[in-house]
Protein backbone atom coordinates (compact mmCIF):
# COMPACT_ATOMS: atom_id res chain seq x y z
CA UNK A 1 0.00 0.00 0.00
CA UNK A 2 1.40 3.37 -1.00
CA UNK A 3 1.45 6.18 1.52
CA UNK A 4 1.06 9.71 0.16
CA UNK A 5 2.12 12.84 1.98
CA UNK A 6 -0.12 15.89 1.82
CA UNK A 7 1.76 19.09 2.57
CA UNK A 8 0.23 21.51 5.07
CA UNK A 9 0.48 24.44 2.66
CA UNK A 10 -0.98 24.22 -0.83
CA UNK A 11 1.34 24.33 -3.82
CA UNK A 12 -0.39 27.50 -5.00
CA UNK A 13 1.02 29.36 -1.98
CA UNK A 14 4.48 29.27 -3.60
CA UNK A 15 3.12 31.09 -6.64
CA UNK A 16 1.22 33.77 -4.72
CA UNK A 17 3.04 36.78 -3.36
CA UNK A 18 4.10 36.54 0.29
CA UNK A 19 2.14 39.73 1.04
CA UNK A 20 -1.11 38.07 -0.09
CA UNK A 21 -0.50 34.81 1.74
CA UNK A 22 0.36 36.56 5.02
CA UNK A 23 -2.90 38.54 4.75
CA UNK A 24 -4.88 35.34 4.18
CA UNK A 25 -3.13 33.46 6.98
CA UNK A 26 -3.56 36.45 9.30
CA UNK A 27 -7.35 36.21 8.96
CA UNK A 28 -7.59 32.67 10.27
CA UNK A 29 -10.74 32.20 12.30
CA UNK A 30 -10.87 30.99 15.87
CA UNK A 31 -13.86 28.69 16.28
CA UNK A 32 -13.87 28.32 20.05
CA UNK A 33 -16.84 30.66 20.50
CA UNK A 34 -15.04 33.57 22.13
CA UNK A 35 -16.61 36.19 19.85
CA UNK A 36 -19.92 37.63 21.23
CA UNK A 37 -21.71 37.02 17.92
CA UNK A 38 -20.70 33.34 18.12
CA UNK A 39 -22.05 33.03 21.64
CA UNK A 40 -25.48 34.41 20.71
CA UNK A 41 -25.92 31.82 17.97
CA UNK A 42 -24.58 28.85 19.92
CA UNK A 43 -27.96 27.85 21.40
CA UNK A 44 -29.65 28.02 17.99
CA UNK A 45 -26.80 26.10 16.38
CA UNK A 46 -26.94 23.45 19.09
CA UNK A 47 -30.70 23.06 18.58
CA UNK A 48 -30.21 22.79 14.81
CA UNK A 49 -27.51 20.15 15.21
CA UNK A 50 -29.70 18.10 17.56
CA UNK A 51 -32.58 18.39 15.11
CA UNK A 52 -30.28 17.29 12.28
CA UNK A 53 -29.12 14.32 14.35
CA UNK A 54 -32.74 13.22 14.80
CA UNK A 55 -33.97 13.77 11.24
CA UNK A 56 -30.89 13.50 9.03
CA UNK A 57 -30.86 15.10 5.59
CA UNK A 58 -34.58 15.88 5.75
CA UNK A 59 -34.18 17.97 8.91
CA UNK A 60 -34.56 21.31 7.13
CA UNK A 61 -37.87 20.23 5.58
CA UNK A 62 -39.15 19.01 8.95
CA UNK A 63 -38.13 22.32 10.57
CA UNK A 64 -39.85 24.19 7.74
CA UNK A 65 -43.06 22.21 8.27
CA UNK A 66 -42.88 22.79 12.04
CA UNK A 67 -42.38 26.53 11.49
CA UNK A 68 -45.28 26.69 9.06
CA UNK A 69 -47.59 24.85 11.47
CA UNK A 70 -46.55 27.13 14.34
CA UNK A 71 -47.16 30.22 12.20
CA UNK A 72 -50.69 29.19 11.28
CA UNK A 73 -51.43 28.18 14.90
CA UNK A 74 -50.45 31.73 15.86
CA UNK A 75 -47.49 30.65 17.99
CA UNK A 76 -44.92 33.25 16.92
CA UNK A 77 -42.28 32.14 19.43
CA UNK A 78 -42.30 28.57 18.12
CA UNK A 79 -42.41 29.90 14.56
CA UNK A 80 -39.25 31.99 15.10
CA UNK A 81 -37.56 29.02 16.81
CA UNK A 82 -38.27 26.60 13.95
CA UNK A 83 -37.52 29.22 11.31
CA UNK A 84 -34.13 29.80 12.96
CA UNK A 85 -33.39 26.08 12.89
CA UNK A 86 -34.52 25.88 9.26
CA UNK A 87 -32.38 28.92 8.40
CA UNK A 88 -29.35 27.34 10.06
CA UNK A 89 -29.80 24.14 8.05
CA UNK A 90 -31.02 25.58 4.73
CA UNK A 91 -31.11 29.36 4.28
CA UNK A 92 -32.96 29.21 0.95
CA UNK A 93 -35.71 27.01 2.30
CA UNK A 94 -36.21 29.30 5.30
CA UNK A 95 -36.28 32.36 3.04
CA UNK A 96 -38.93 30.78 0.84
CA UNK A 97 -41.07 29.99 3.89
CA UNK A 98 -40.72 33.49 5.34
CA UNK A 99 -41.61 35.05 1.98
CA UNK A 100 -44.65 32.80 1.67
CA UNK A 101 -46.18 33.25 5.13
CA UNK A 102 -45.00 36.60 6.47
CA UNK A 103 -46.73 39.76 5.23
CA UNK A 104 -44.61 42.13 3.18
CA UNK A 105 -44.28 45.82 3.94
CA UNK A 106 -44.12 47.10 0.37
C-alpha atoms as a PDB file:
ATOM      1  CA  UNK A   1       0.000   0.000   0.000  1.00  0.00           C
ATOM      2  CA  UNK A   2       1.397   3.366  -1.002  1.00  0.00           C
ATOM      3  CA  UNK A   3       1.446   6.177   1.522  1.00  0.00           C
ATOM      4  CA  UNK A   4       1.061   9.712   0.161  1.00  0.00           C
ATOM      5  CA  UNK A   5       2.122  12.842   1.980  1.00  0.00           C
ATOM      6  CA  UNK A   6      -0.122  15.894   1.816  1.00  0.00           C
ATOM      7  CA  UNK A   7       1.757  19.094   2.569  1.00  0.00           C
ATOM      8  CA  UNK A   8       0.230  21.506   5.067  1.00  0.00           C
ATOM      9  CA  UNK A   9       0.479  24.444   2.663  1.00  0.00           C
ATOM     10  CA  UNK A  10      -0.976  24.222  -0.835  1.00  0.00           C
ATOM     11  CA  UNK A  11       1.337  24.334  -3.823  1.00  0.00           C
ATOM     12  CA  UNK A  12      -0.393  27.503  -5.004  1.00  0.00           C
ATOM     13  CA  UNK A  13       1.019  29.363  -1.981  1.00  0.00           C
ATOM     14  CA  UNK A  14       4.479  29.273  -3.602  1.00  0.00           C
ATOM     15  CA  UNK A  15       3.116  31.094  -6.644  1.00  0.00           C
ATOM     16  CA  UNK A  16       1.222  33.765  -4.723  1.00  0.00           C
ATOM     17  CA  UNK A  17       3.043  36.779  -3.362  1.00  0.00           C
ATOM     18  CA  UNK A  18       4.096  36.541   0.292  1.00  0.00           C
ATOM     19  CA  UNK A  19       2.138  39.729   1.041  1.00  0.00           C
ATOM     20  CA  UNK A  20      -1.106  38.069  -0.091  1.00  0.00           C
ATOM     21  CA  UNK A  21      -0.501  34.813   1.739  1.00  0.00           C
ATOM     22  CA  UNK A  22       0.360  36.556   5.023  1.00  0.00           C
ATOM     23  CA  UNK A  23      -2.899  38.538   4.752  1.00  0.00           C
ATOM     24  CA  UNK A  24      -4.885  35.338   4.182  1.00  0.00           C
ATOM     25  CA  UNK A  25      -3.125  33.461   6.979  1.00  0.00           C
ATOM     26  CA  UNK A  26      -3.560  36.455   9.302  1.00  0.00           C
ATOM     27  CA  UNK A  27      -7.350  36.211   8.957  1.00  0.00           C
ATOM     28  CA  UNK A  28      -7.586  32.671  10.269  1.00  0.00           C
ATOM     29  CA  UNK A  29     -10.739  32.202  12.300  1.00  0.00           C
ATOM     30  CA  UNK A  30     -10.875  30.987  15.866  1.00  0.00           C
ATOM     31  CA  UNK A  31     -13.862  28.693  16.275  1.00  0.00           C
ATOM     32  CA  UNK A  32     -13.865  28.320  20.048  1.00  0.00           C
ATOM     33  CA  UNK A  33     -16.838  30.656  20.498  1.00  0.00           C
ATOM     34  CA  UNK A  34     -15.043  33.570  22.134  1.00  0.00           C
ATOM     35  CA  UNK A  35     -16.615  36.188  19.850  1.00  0.00           C
ATOM     36  CA  UNK A  36     -19.916  37.634  21.232  1.00  0.00           C
ATOM     37  CA  UNK A  37     -21.710  37.015  17.923  1.00  0.00           C
ATOM     38  CA  UNK A  38     -20.702  33.336  18.117  1.00  0.00           C
ATOM     39  CA  UNK A  39     -22.051  33.031  21.645  1.00  0.00           C
ATOM     40  CA  UNK A  40     -25.481  34.410  20.707  1.00  0.00           C
ATOM     41  CA  UNK A  41     -25.920  31.819  17.968  1.00  0.00           C
ATOM     42  CA  UNK A  42     -24.583  28.850  19.915  1.00  0.00           C
ATOM     43  CA  UNK A  43     -27.960  27.853  21.396  1.00  0.00           C
ATOM     44  CA  UNK A  44     -29.652  28.019  17.994  1.00  0.00           C
ATOM     45  CA  UNK A  45     -26.803  26.100  16.377  1.00  0.00           C
ATOM     46  CA  UNK A  46     -26.936  23.452  19.092  1.00  0.00           C
ATOM     47  CA  UNK A  47     -30.703  23.056  18.576  1.00  0.00           C
ATOM     48  CA  UNK A  48     -30.207  22.792  14.810  1.00  0.00           C
ATOM     49  CA  UNK A  49     -27.514  20.146  15.207  1.00  0.00           C
ATOM     50  CA  UNK A  50     -29.697  18.100  17.562  1.00  0.00           C
ATOM     51  CA  UNK A  51     -32.585  18.386  15.111  1.00  0.00           C
ATOM     52  CA  UNK A  52     -30.283  17.293  12.276  1.00  0.00           C
ATOM     53  CA  UNK A  53     -29.122  14.321  14.351  1.00  0.00           C
ATOM     54  CA  UNK A  54     -32.739  13.217  14.800  1.00  0.00           C
ATOM     55  CA  UNK A  55     -33.975  13.772  11.240  1.00  0.00           C
ATOM     56  CA  UNK A  56     -30.895  13.498   9.030  1.00  0.00           C
ATOM     57  CA  UNK A  57     -30.864  15.099   5.592  1.00  0.00           C
ATOM     58  CA  UNK A  58     -34.582  15.876   5.745  1.00  0.00           C
ATOM     59  CA  UNK A  59     -34.181  17.968   8.913  1.00  0.00           C
ATOM     60  CA  UNK A  60     -34.560  21.314   7.132  1.00  0.00           C
ATOM     61  CA  UNK A  61     -37.870  20.235   5.582  1.00  0.00           C
ATOM     62  CA  UNK A  62     -39.154  19.008   8.954  1.00  0.00           C
ATOM     63  CA  UNK A  63     -38.127  22.317  10.574  1.00  0.00           C
ATOM     64  CA  UNK A  64     -39.851  24.195   7.741  1.00  0.00           C
ATOM     65  CA  UNK A  65     -43.059  22.206   8.269  1.00  0.00           C
ATOM     66  CA  UNK A  66     -42.881  22.789  12.037  1.00  0.00           C
ATOM     67  CA  UNK A  67     -42.376  26.525  11.491  1.00  0.00           C
ATOM     68  CA  UNK A  68     -45.278  26.693   9.064  1.00  0.00           C
ATOM     69  CA  UNK A  69     -47.590  24.851  11.472  1.00  0.00           C
ATOM     70  CA  UNK A  70     -46.552  27.130  14.343  1.00  0.00           C
ATOM     71  CA  UNK A  71     -47.161  30.217  12.200  1.00  0.00           C
ATOM     72  CA  UNK A  72     -50.693  29.185  11.282  1.00  0.00           C
ATOM     73  CA  UNK A  73     -51.427  28.184  14.896  1.00  0.00           C
ATOM     74  CA  UNK A  74     -50.452  31.733  15.862  1.00  0.00           C
ATOM     75  CA  UNK A  75     -47.489  30.645  17.992  1.00  0.00           C
ATOM     76  CA  UNK A  76     -44.919  33.246  16.919  1.00  0.00           C
ATOM     77  CA  UNK A  77     -42.283  32.140  19.431  1.00  0.00           C
ATOM     78  CA  UNK A  78     -42.296  28.569  18.123  1.00  0.00           C
ATOM     79  CA  UNK A  79     -42.409  29.904  14.556  1.00  0.00           C
ATOM     80  CA  UNK A  80     -39.254  31.987  15.096  1.00  0.00           C
ATOM     81  CA  UNK A  81     -37.561  29.022  16.808  1.00  0.00           C
ATOM     82  CA  UNK A  82     -38.273  26.604  13.951  1.00  0.00           C
ATOM     83  CA  UNK A  83     -37.520  29.222  11.307  1.00  0.00           C
ATOM     84  CA  UNK A  84     -34.130  29.800  12.961  1.00  0.00           C
ATOM     85  CA  UNK A  85     -33.386  26.082  12.890  1.00  0.00           C
ATOM     86  CA  UNK A  86     -34.521  25.879   9.265  1.00  0.00           C
ATOM     87  CA  UNK A  87     -32.379  28.916   8.403  1.00  0.00           C
ATOM     88  CA  UNK A  88     -29.350  27.337  10.061  1.00  0.00           C
ATOM     89  CA  UNK A  89     -29.798  24.135   8.054  1.00  0.00           C
ATOM     90  CA  UNK A  90     -31.020  25.582   4.729  1.00  0.00           C
ATOM     91  CA  UNK A  91     -31.106  29.359   4.277  1.00  0.00           C
ATOM     92  CA  UNK A  92     -32.957  29.207   0.951  1.00  0.00           C
ATOM     93  CA  UNK A  93     -35.712  27.009   2.300  1.00  0.00           C
ATOM     94  CA  UNK A  94     -36.215  29.303   5.301  1.00  0.00           C
ATOM     95  CA  UNK A  95     -36.284  32.364   3.043  1.00  0.00           C
ATOM     96  CA  UNK A  96     -38.929  30.783   0.842  1.00  0.00           C
ATOM     97  CA  UNK A  97     -41.071  29.990   3.890  1.00  0.00           C
ATOM     98  CA  UNK A  98     -40.722  33.488   5.340  1.00  0.00           C
ATOM     99  CA  UNK A  99     -41.609  35.047   1.982  1.00  0.00           C
ATOM    100  CA  UNK A 100     -44.648  32.802   1.669  1.00  0.00           C
ATOM    101  CA  UNK A 101     -46.182  33.246   5.132  1.00  0.00           C
ATOM    102  CA  UNK A 102     -45.003  36.600   6.470  1.00  0.00           C
ATOM    103  CA  UNK A 103     -46.734  39.757   5.227  1.00  0.00           C
ATOM    104  CA  UNK A 104     -44.607  42.127   3.181  1.00  0.00           C
ATOM    105  CA  UNK A 105     -44.282  45.820   3.941  1.00  0.00           C
ATOM    106  CA  UNK A 106     -44.123  47.098   0.373  1.00  0.00           C
END
